[in-house]
Every structure is written in structure tokens, then in C-alpha cells.
């Protein structure tokens, strides 16, 4: 029964996808005598937390009830009062928590507050699932860096485009829709300037059956050569466009970009290229908790070599493109020996019509 109610809390937490950044996703379920009497989620940053929403729905029925919550109730005053205090005042008898707060400054304090009030506390129910749900928040709050997902689509023979550069479309509608669902969840999407020049993408979110939000658009452009008429500089969107560049950009072009409403971020490596590690630090300072990296091959290689990629999302379509000159997903020099290859672990496979998605996490060696 514990897992049944925690599964429901985890499902509720997903309501906050793309709306709570950089805060965590949290769901809560209140149960009394085997019956759910209140549910809630943290649905938007600055709004009530999951526990308070669940308590408001339960009303007086919360007294003596159990509450299942995906993350340790907060103990501090932020945009809202402490949830642990609200649970104590409501008179709940037991709090079942999937995972403790990963923030080292507050971890365990909410649980201790509940225990000191005489409330029974149980921690660790479906902890693995809860951590996967909040992998973005965990990295952001513990390492002070955004969580980076590298996504690309390729044919069965490892091509991301034909030798002419044509790439529309390698995958089917189901896979492409899923990518837009991910765009709706993350804080930012990042591509190289060559992708902008070749495809002139809008880098927005297009979901016809739901209200969606656009991620911040980040263009890695070391010399400031992005065409001023590019869609990413002229799109009507609530999200801003960032140009990640170096001191090689001309003052005139920098002013032109600012005139288009773009934010110019300088992060030079000393080699005339954007320092991607330094860029991630700056993005953290700007409140960007997650980045969807959509290549192409040059930026993908640079990101892997810089060690900024956390997760790979690789779509594989049952097509053969062929051609020595047709590009693959990872450029650069690559490794010299197979034993030095970047490993993807904890893989998971999903299917979208005829296309496959392989998800996994990065490590070297």
C-alpha cells in the first residue's frame, strides 16, 4: 500500500514539469483509513507546495491521517511558509517520505521537526524513482550546475543527416512530439551557430493539445557570426535568446544582438572557443537548472569532451542513409582506442512507433 500511494504522489509531482524550475517536483497524497482524502502537487514556482495543497483539499480529515510525499517537507521560510510546520499544525499522524532534501543546508531538518513534534516518520519508500524524477534539481542544488541532456536523432547506420545536409525528418511524429515535451520541461535549449545557419530553427515548444512554455534559447557562437535575421533572434516568445560567445565578437555585432533583445554571455577558453564549463557556471548563476543540448556534431563533441553532459537521449530510426560524407552525431577527434570510449550506463529503452529511444547517463572509461 505504501508503494501504491507513493506512486500516486510521484505521478502528481509531474504536474510541475517545466513550471517549478529551479525548484523540485513534489507530489503529496493524504490517506485516512485506507482512503485518499487529499492530493496536491507543487505546480508552479512561488505557488503553494504539494503538502499545503493536499492539506487544503483534505481539510479536517487531515487530522490523524498519513501523508505520502515525494520529498522531505521543507523546514524554512522561502516564498511560502515551512511545510513541516503546516503538517504539524494539521495534526497528521505519520509522514512517509520518498527521499530527503538533497540541499545540504536543509537536509534532515524537516524530518527532525516532524519527529520532535511526535509525528511518525518513514523515509525511503520508492527513493530511486523519486531521485530520477528530480535528477535536475539534485545536480542543481548539490553541484551548483545545470543538468545537461544531449539529444540527437540518427538513422540505423549512425547518420544525423544526408550528405546534402537534409535532416527532415529522421524520426516520426511520436518521437518528435516527445522532444517537444522535453523542451516544455527544461529551462534552456542549446545549439551551435552552425545549426542555426544550416537549419534556421525556432527552438521553441510546439504542443498542440496543451499549453506549453518555451525554453531559453542558447546559441554557442564564439565569433558572433549568427545572422541577424535568424529565427531565434526574431521569434515572438516569452523566453529570451542567449548568445554564448567570446571576446572575438565585434562590438558592433554585440550591440546589434542586444538590440534584438538577446543576452550576450562571454565565456572564452583562451583558444578562441566558448568555455563550456565556464558557461555552465554562468547559467547556474542565472537560475538555469537544465539544458537540452540539440547539437550538431561539433557542439556535441565539445560538450562531451568538456564533461558537461549528464544524460544522453538517442533516437534511432529504422532507416539507412549511407554516404561517407553524411555526418554522424559526434564530431571532433574522438577517442583513439575503443577502451577509452565514453560509456553510457543505466540505459533505458522506449519505443515511439517504429523509432527507438535509448536513454542513459555519462561516464568516461
Protein backbone atom coordinates (compact mmCIF):
# COMPACT_ATOMS: atom_id res chain seq x y z
CA UNK A 1 0.00 0.00 0.00
CA UNK A 2 2.92 2.34 0.71
CA UNK A 3 4.11 2.00 -2.89
CA UNK A 4 0.58 2.44 -4.24
CA UNK A 5 0.17 5.84 -2.60
CA UNK A 6 3.76 6.93 -3.27
CA UNK A 7 3.34 6.07 -6.97
CA UNK A 8 0.33 8.36 -6.99
CA UNK A 9 2.38 11.12 -5.30
CA UNK A 10 5.14 10.73 -7.89
CA UNK A 11 2.59 10.98 -10.69
CA UNK A 12 1.11 14.13 -9.16
CA UNK A 13 4.60 15.67 -8.91
CA UNK A 14 4.89 15.61 -12.71
CA UNK A 15 2.26 18.36 -12.87
CA UNK A 16 5.08 20.76 -12.07
CA UNK A 17 7.29 19.75 -15.01
CA UNK A 18 8.70 22.90 -16.59
CA UNK A 19 6.84 25.18 -14.17
CA UNK A 20 8.73 24.82 -10.88
CA UNK A 21 12.31 25.33 -12.18
CA UNK A 22 14.69 25.63 -10.45
CA UNK A 23 12.67 24.20 -7.56
CA UNK A 24 11.99 20.45 -7.22
CA UNK A 25 9.00 18.43 -8.38
CA UNK A 26 6.90 17.36 -5.40
CA UNK A 27 3.65 15.44 -5.00
CA UNK A 28 1.67 14.58 -1.88
CA UNK A 29 -1.18 12.22 -1.01
CA UNK A 30 -3.10 12.21 2.30
CA UNK A 31 -4.66 8.89 3.33
CA UNK A 32 -7.04 8.19 6.20
CA UNK A 33 -8.45 4.76 6.99
CA UNK A 34 -7.29 3.49 3.60
CA UNK A 35 -9.00 6.28 1.65
CA UNK A 36 -7.33 9.18 -0.14
CA UNK A 37 -8.73 12.38 1.37
CA UNK A 38 -6.40 14.93 -0.18
CA UNK A 39 -3.90 15.28 -3.02
CA UNK A 40 -1.58 18.02 -4.12
CA UNK A 41 1.44 18.98 -6.21
CA UNK A 42 3.83 21.89 -6.40
CA UNK A 43 2.59 23.13 -9.77
CA UNK A 44 4.35 26.45 -10.23
CA UNK A 45 7.26 28.29 -8.66
CA UNK A 46 6.05 30.68 -5.99
CA UNK A 47 2.77 28.83 -5.51
CA UNK A 48 1.74 26.59 -2.60
CA UNK A 49 3.81 23.48 -2.07
CA UNK A 50 2.40 19.98 -2.59
CA UNK A 51 1.79 19.31 1.11
CA UNK A 52 -0.19 22.52 1.62
CA UNK A 53 -2.30 21.89 -1.48
CA UNK A 54 -3.07 18.39 -0.22
CA UNK A 55 -3.91 19.70 3.27
CA UNK A 56 -6.25 22.33 1.83
CA UNK A 57 -8.14 19.62 -0.06
CA UNK A 58 -8.27 17.30 2.95
CA UNK A 59 -9.46 19.92 5.42
CA UNK A 60 -10.32 18.48 8.85
CA UNK A 61 -9.82 14.94 7.52
CA UNK A 62 -6.05 15.51 7.67
CA UNK A 63 -6.07 15.18 11.46
CA UNK A 64 -4.78 11.71 12.36
CA UNK A 65 -4.11 10.87 8.70
CA UNK A 66 -0.96 9.72 6.92
CA UNK A 67 0.68 11.78 4.19
CA UNK A 68 2.87 10.42 1.41
CA UNK A 69 5.25 12.99 -0.03
CA UNK A 70 7.97 12.57 -2.65
CA UNK A 71 10.46 14.93 -1.00
CA UNK A 72 11.23 15.84 2.60
CA UNK A 73 8.86 18.64 3.74
CA UNK A 74 10.69 21.96 3.94
CA UNK A 75 11.58 23.46 7.31
CA UNK A 76 12.43 27.01 6.29
CA UNK A 77 10.64 30.13 5.14
CA UNK A 78 11.08 30.85 1.43
CA UNK A 79 8.40 32.04 -0.97
CA UNK A 80 5.99 30.06 1.23
CA UNK A 81 5.94 29.04 4.94
CA UNK A 82 7.52 25.72 6.06
CA UNK A 83 5.52 22.64 5.03
CA UNK A 84 6.73 20.69 8.07
CA UNK A 85 5.09 23.27 10.31
CA UNK A 86 1.84 23.04 8.33
CA UNK A 87 1.77 19.26 8.74
CA UNK A 88 2.31 19.57 12.48
CA UNK A 89 -0.49 22.12 12.81
CA UNK A 90 -2.82 19.92 10.74
CA UNK A 91 -2.30 17.05 13.16
CA UNK A 92 -1.17 14.34 10.75
CA UNK A 93 -0.09 11.13 12.48
CA UNK A 94 2.55 9.87 10.04
CA UNK A 95 4.68 11.24 7.19
CA UNK A 96 6.03 8.82 4.58
CA UNK A 97 8.83 10.40 2.53
CA UNK A 98 10.46 9.06 -0.63
CA UNK A 99 13.75 11.00 -0.26
CA UNK A 100 15.40 13.54 1.97
CA UNK A 101 16.06 17.05 0.67
CA UNK A 102 19.39 16.93 -1.24
CA UNK A 103 20.17 20.52 -0.24
CA UNK A 104 22.93 20.07 2.37
CA UNK A 105 21.86 23.28 4.10
CA UNK A 106 18.41 21.95 4.97
CA UNK A 107 18.62 18.16 4.58
CA UNK A 108 17.04 16.36 7.54
CA UNK A 109 15.74 19.48 9.28
CA UNK A 110 12.17 18.99 8.13
CA UNK A 111 12.20 15.37 9.25
CA UNK A 112 13.63 16.31 12.65
CA UNK A 113 10.97 18.98 13.09
CA UNK A 114 8.27 16.38 12.46
CA UNK A 115 9.84 13.82 14.81
CA UNK A 116 10.24 16.37 17.59
CA UNK A 117 6.51 17.07 17.27
CA UNK A 118 5.78 13.39 17.91
CA UNK A 119 4.90 12.52 14.31
CA UNK A 120 5.93 9.10 12.99
CA UNK A 121 8.30 9.45 10.00
CA UNK A 122 9.24 6.80 7.42
CA UNK A 123 11.87 7.59 4.77
CA UNK A 124 12.99 5.76 1.62
CA UNK A 125 9.80 4.45 0.01
CA UNK A 126 10.48 4.48 -3.77
CA UNK A 127 13.58 6.60 -3.22
CA UNK A 128 15.16 5.57 -6.55
CA UNK A 129 12.12 6.71 -8.53
CA UNK A 130 11.97 9.98 -6.61
CA UNK A 131 15.63 10.73 -7.31
CA UNK A 132 15.17 10.02 -11.02
CA UNK A 133 12.20 12.38 -11.08
CA UNK A 134 14.28 15.15 -9.53
CA UNK A 135 17.65 14.46 -11.15
CA UNK A 136 17.71 18.03 -12.46
CA UNK A 137 17.11 19.56 -9.03
CA UNK A 138 19.60 17.24 -7.31
CA UNK A 139 22.50 18.30 -9.53
CA UNK A 140 21.49 21.95 -9.50
CA UNK A 141 21.30 22.17 -5.71
CA UNK A 142 24.31 19.97 -4.82
CA UNK A 143 26.81 20.80 -7.57
CA UNK A 144 25.56 24.29 -8.47
CA UNK A 145 25.44 23.46 -12.17
CA UNK A 146 22.62 22.84 -14.66
CA UNK A 147 21.70 19.27 -15.63
CA UNK A 148 22.61 18.75 -19.30
CA UNK A 149 20.83 16.30 -21.61
CA UNK A 150 22.28 15.64 -25.04
CA UNK A 151 19.62 14.69 -27.57
CA UNK A 152 20.02 13.63 -31.16
CA UNK A 153 18.23 11.51 -33.76
CA UNK A 154 20.08 9.22 -36.13
CA UNK A 155 19.48 6.54 -38.71
CA UNK A 156 20.27 2.89 -38.15
CA UNK A 157 23.68 3.47 -39.75
CA UNK A 158 24.50 6.38 -37.46
CA UNK A 159 23.75 9.39 -39.64
CA UNK A 160 22.05 12.59 -38.46
CA UNK A 161 21.61 13.98 -41.98
CA UNK A 162 22.19 13.11 -45.63
CA UNK A 163 25.40 14.28 -47.34
CA UNK A 164 23.40 17.30 -48.63
CA UNK A 165 22.64 18.38 -45.07
CA UNK A 166 18.96 17.42 -45.29
CA UNK A 167 17.69 16.01 -41.98
CA UNK A 168 13.89 16.33 -42.12
CA UNK A 169 12.71 14.07 -40.78
CA UNK A 170 14.78 11.17 -39.47
CA UNK A 171 12.28 10.19 -36.78
CA UNK A 172 8.48 10.03 -36.85
CA UNK A 173 5.83 12.22 -35.25
CA UNK A 174 5.75 10.34 -31.94
CA UNK A 175 9.45 10.83 -31.27
CA UNK A 176 9.33 14.47 -32.35
CA UNK A 177 6.40 15.16 -30.04
CA UNK A 178 8.31 13.64 -27.14
CA UNK A 179 11.21 16.03 -27.83
CA UNK A 180 8.81 18.96 -27.56
CA UNK A 181 7.54 17.57 -24.25
CA UNK A 182 11.13 17.63 -23.02
CA UNK A 183 11.55 21.20 -24.29
CA UNK A 184 8.47 22.07 -22.26
CA UNK A 185 10.17 20.72 -19.11
CA UNK A 186 13.69 22.15 -19.34
CA UNK A 187 14.88 25.67 -18.65
CA UNK A 188 17.04 26.03 -21.76
CA UNK A 189 17.88 24.53 -25.15
CA UNK A 190 21.37 24.89 -26.62
CA UNK A 191 22.71 24.56 -30.17
CA UNK A 192 25.78 25.67 -32.08
CA UNK A 193 25.74 28.56 -34.50
CA UNK A 194 26.32 26.19 -37.45
CA UNK A 195 22.98 24.54 -36.69
CA UNK A 196 21.32 27.95 -36.75
CA UNK A 197 22.93 28.77 -40.10
CA UNK A 198 22.06 25.42 -41.65
CA UNK A 199 18.51 24.86 -40.36
CA UNK A 200 17.37 28.29 -39.07
CA UNK A 201 15.37 26.63 -36.25
CA UNK A 202 12.97 28.47 -33.93
CA UNK A 203 13.94 26.34 -30.89
CA UNK A 204 10.53 26.77 -29.31
CA UNK A 205 7.99 24.31 -27.91
CA UNK A 206 5.14 23.19 -30.13
CA UNK A 207 2.48 21.07 -28.42
CA UNK A 208 -0.94 21.47 -29.97
CA UNK A 209 -3.01 19.88 -27.22
CA UNK A 210 -1.58 21.63 -24.15
CA UNK A 211 -0.33 24.98 -23.01
CA UNK A 212 3.44 24.85 -23.20
CA UNK A 213 6.38 27.09 -22.42
CA UNK A 214 9.46 27.87 -24.48
CA UNK A 215 12.92 27.23 -23.03
CA UNK A 216 15.60 29.90 -23.06
CA UNK A 217 17.49 29.57 -26.36
CA UNK A 218 21.29 29.40 -26.05
CA UNK A 219 23.38 29.75 -29.20
CA UNK A 220 27.07 28.86 -28.86
CA UNK A 221 28.75 31.31 -31.24
CA UNK A 222 32.41 32.00 -30.44
CA UNK A 223 32.89 34.75 -33.07
CA UNK A 224 29.41 36.26 -33.15
CA UNK A 225 28.62 35.21 -36.72
CA UNK A 226 24.92 34.42 -36.22
CA UNK A 227 22.83 36.03 -38.99
CA UNK A 228 20.76 38.85 -37.53
CA UNK A 229 17.68 37.61 -39.43
CA UNK A 230 17.80 34.17 -37.74
CA UNK A 231 14.50 32.91 -36.33
CA UNK A 232 15.95 32.61 -32.82
CA UNK A 233 16.55 36.38 -32.83
CA UNK A 234 13.16 37.31 -34.23
CA UNK A 235 10.73 34.82 -32.73
CA UNK A 236 7.84 36.04 -30.58
CA UNK A 237 8.37 34.25 -27.29
CA UNK A 238 8.34 34.82 -23.56
CA UNK A 239 11.75 33.14 -23.38
CA UNK A 240 14.93 35.06 -24.11
CA UNK A 241 17.74 34.14 -26.51
CA UNK A 242 21.28 33.95 -25.09
CA UNK A 243 24.36 34.24 -27.30
CA UNK A 244 27.31 32.43 -25.68
CA UNK A 245 30.41 33.95 -27.24
CA UNK A 246 33.98 35.19 -26.63
CA UNK A 247 35.91 38.42 -26.93
CA UNK A 248 36.20 37.67 -30.66
CA UNK A 249 32.72 39.08 -31.23
CA UNK A 250 32.76 42.62 -32.63
CA UNK A 251 31.34 45.45 -30.53
CA UNK A 252 29.02 46.34 -33.39
CA UNK A 253 27.56 42.81 -33.61
CA UNK A 254 27.20 42.63 -29.85
CA UNK A 255 25.13 45.82 -29.86
CA UNK A 256 23.03 44.53 -32.76
CA UNK A 257 22.25 41.35 -30.83
CA UNK A 258 21.32 43.29 -27.72
CA UNK A 259 19.09 45.45 -29.89
CA UNK A 260 17.24 42.25 -30.83
CA UNK A 261 16.66 41.55 -27.14
CA UNK A 262 19.32 38.84 -26.90
CA UNK A 263 21.54 38.44 -23.85
CA UNK A 264 25.24 38.19 -24.69
CA UNK A 265 27.30 35.94 -22.40
CA UNK A 266 31.08 35.89 -22.78
CA UNK A 267 32.92 32.76 -21.71
CA UNK A 268 36.21 32.46 -23.56
CA UNK A 269 38.53 29.49 -23.27
CA UNK A 270 41.65 31.33 -24.37
CA UNK A 271 41.66 29.29 -27.57
CA UNK A 272 39.05 31.34 -29.36
CA UNK A 273 36.27 28.96 -28.34
CA UNK A 274 33.46 29.19 -25.81
CA UNK A 275 34.46 27.69 -22.46
CA UNK A 276 31.50 25.35 -21.92
CA UNK A 277 32.38 24.61 -18.31
CA UNK A 278 32.52 28.32 -17.53
CA UNK A 279 29.27 28.82 -19.42
CA UNK A 280 27.52 26.27 -17.20
CA UNK A 281 28.62 28.20 -14.11
CA UNK A 282 27.19 31.40 -15.56
CA UNK A 283 23.93 29.65 -16.46
CA UNK A 284 23.60 28.40 -12.88
CA UNK A 285 24.03 31.96 -11.63
CA UNK A 286 21.20 32.97 -13.97
CA UNK A 287 18.87 30.34 -12.48
CA UNK A 288 19.09 27.91 -15.42
CA UNK A 289 18.75 24.44 -13.89
CA UNK A 290 18.59 22.32 -17.05
CA UNK A 291 19.84 22.40 -20.64
CA UNK A 292 18.70 20.31 -23.59
CA UNK A 293 21.66 20.07 -25.96
CA UNK A 294 20.49 19.60 -29.55
CA UNK A 295 23.86 19.64 -31.30
CA UNK A 296 25.05 19.34 -34.02
CA UNK A 297 28.05 17.12 -34.07
CA UNK A 298 30.71 19.78 -33.34
CA UNK A 299 28.98 21.08 -30.23
CA UNK A 300 28.07 17.55 -29.10
CA UNK A 301 31.74 16.55 -29.21
CA UNK A 302 32.87 19.70 -27.42
CA UNK A 303 30.25 19.22 -24.70
CA UNK A 304 31.27 15.61 -24.09
CA UNK A 305 34.95 16.49 -24.02
CA UNK A 306 34.24 19.33 -21.59
CA UNK A 307 32.48 16.87 -19.28
CA UNK A 308 29.26 18.86 -19.02
CA UNK A 309 26.85 16.20 -20.34
CA UNK A 310 24.90 14.20 -17.77
CA UNK A 311 22.42 12.25 -19.87
CA UNK A 312 22.07 11.04 -23.46
CA UNK A 313 18.76 10.81 -25.31
CA UNK A 314 19.43 8.97 -28.56
CA UNK A 315 16.61 8.39 -31.02
CA UNK A 316 17.26 5.67 -33.61
CA UNK A 317 15.12 5.38 -36.73
CA UNK A 318 14.99 2.17 -38.84
CA UNK A 319 16.44 3.91 -41.89
CA UNK A 320 19.72 3.66 -43.78
CA UNK A 321 21.09 6.92 -45.16
CA UNK A 322 24.59 5.91 -46.20
CA UNK A 323 27.35 8.08 -47.61
CA UNK A 324 30.87 8.72 -46.36
CA UNK A 325 30.15 12.43 -46.25
CA UNK A 326 26.87 12.10 -44.35
CA UNK A 327 27.51 13.41 -40.81
CA UNK A 328 27.32 11.41 -37.62
CA UNK A 329 26.13 12.74 -34.24
CA UNK A 330 29.52 13.20 -32.55
CA UNK A 331 32.26 15.17 -34.31
CA UNK A 332 35.64 16.24 -33.01
CA UNK A 333 38.70 13.98 -32.89
CA UNK A 334 37.05 11.22 -30.88
CA UNK A 335 38.95 8.65 -28.83
CA UNK A 336 41.99 6.80 -30.15
CA UNK A 337 41.03 3.43 -28.71
CA UNK A 338 37.66 1.79 -28.07
CA UNK A 339 38.61 1.15 -24.44
CA UNK A 340 38.67 4.93 -23.94
CA UNK A 341 35.12 5.41 -25.25
CA UNK A 342 32.59 7.34 -23.23
CA UNK A 343 30.30 4.83 -21.58
CA UNK A 344 26.54 5.22 -21.27
CA UNK A 345 25.14 3.39 -18.24
CA UNK A 346 21.79 2.78 -16.55
CA UNK A 347 20.23 2.64 -20.00
CA UNK A 348 16.53 2.54 -20.66
CA UNK A 349 14.77 1.86 -23.98
CA UNK A 350 11.45 3.33 -25.12
CA UNK A 351 9.63 2.94 -28.41
CA UNK A 352 7.77 5.58 -30.41
CA UNK A 353 6.04 3.93 -33.36
CA UNK A 354 8.99 2.48 -35.33
CA UNK A 355 11.64 4.61 -33.59
CA UNK A 356 13.64 3.67 -30.52
CA UNK A 357 14.88 5.97 -27.76
CA UNK A 358 17.89 4.91 -25.70
CA UNK A 359 18.37 6.96 -22.53
CA UNK A 360 21.44 6.69 -20.36
CA UNK A 361 23.96 8.52 -18.22
CA UNK A 362 27.56 9.54 -18.98
CA UNK A 363 30.85 8.46 -17.58
CA UNK A 364 34.32 8.11 -19.10
CA UNK A 365 36.22 4.80 -19.39
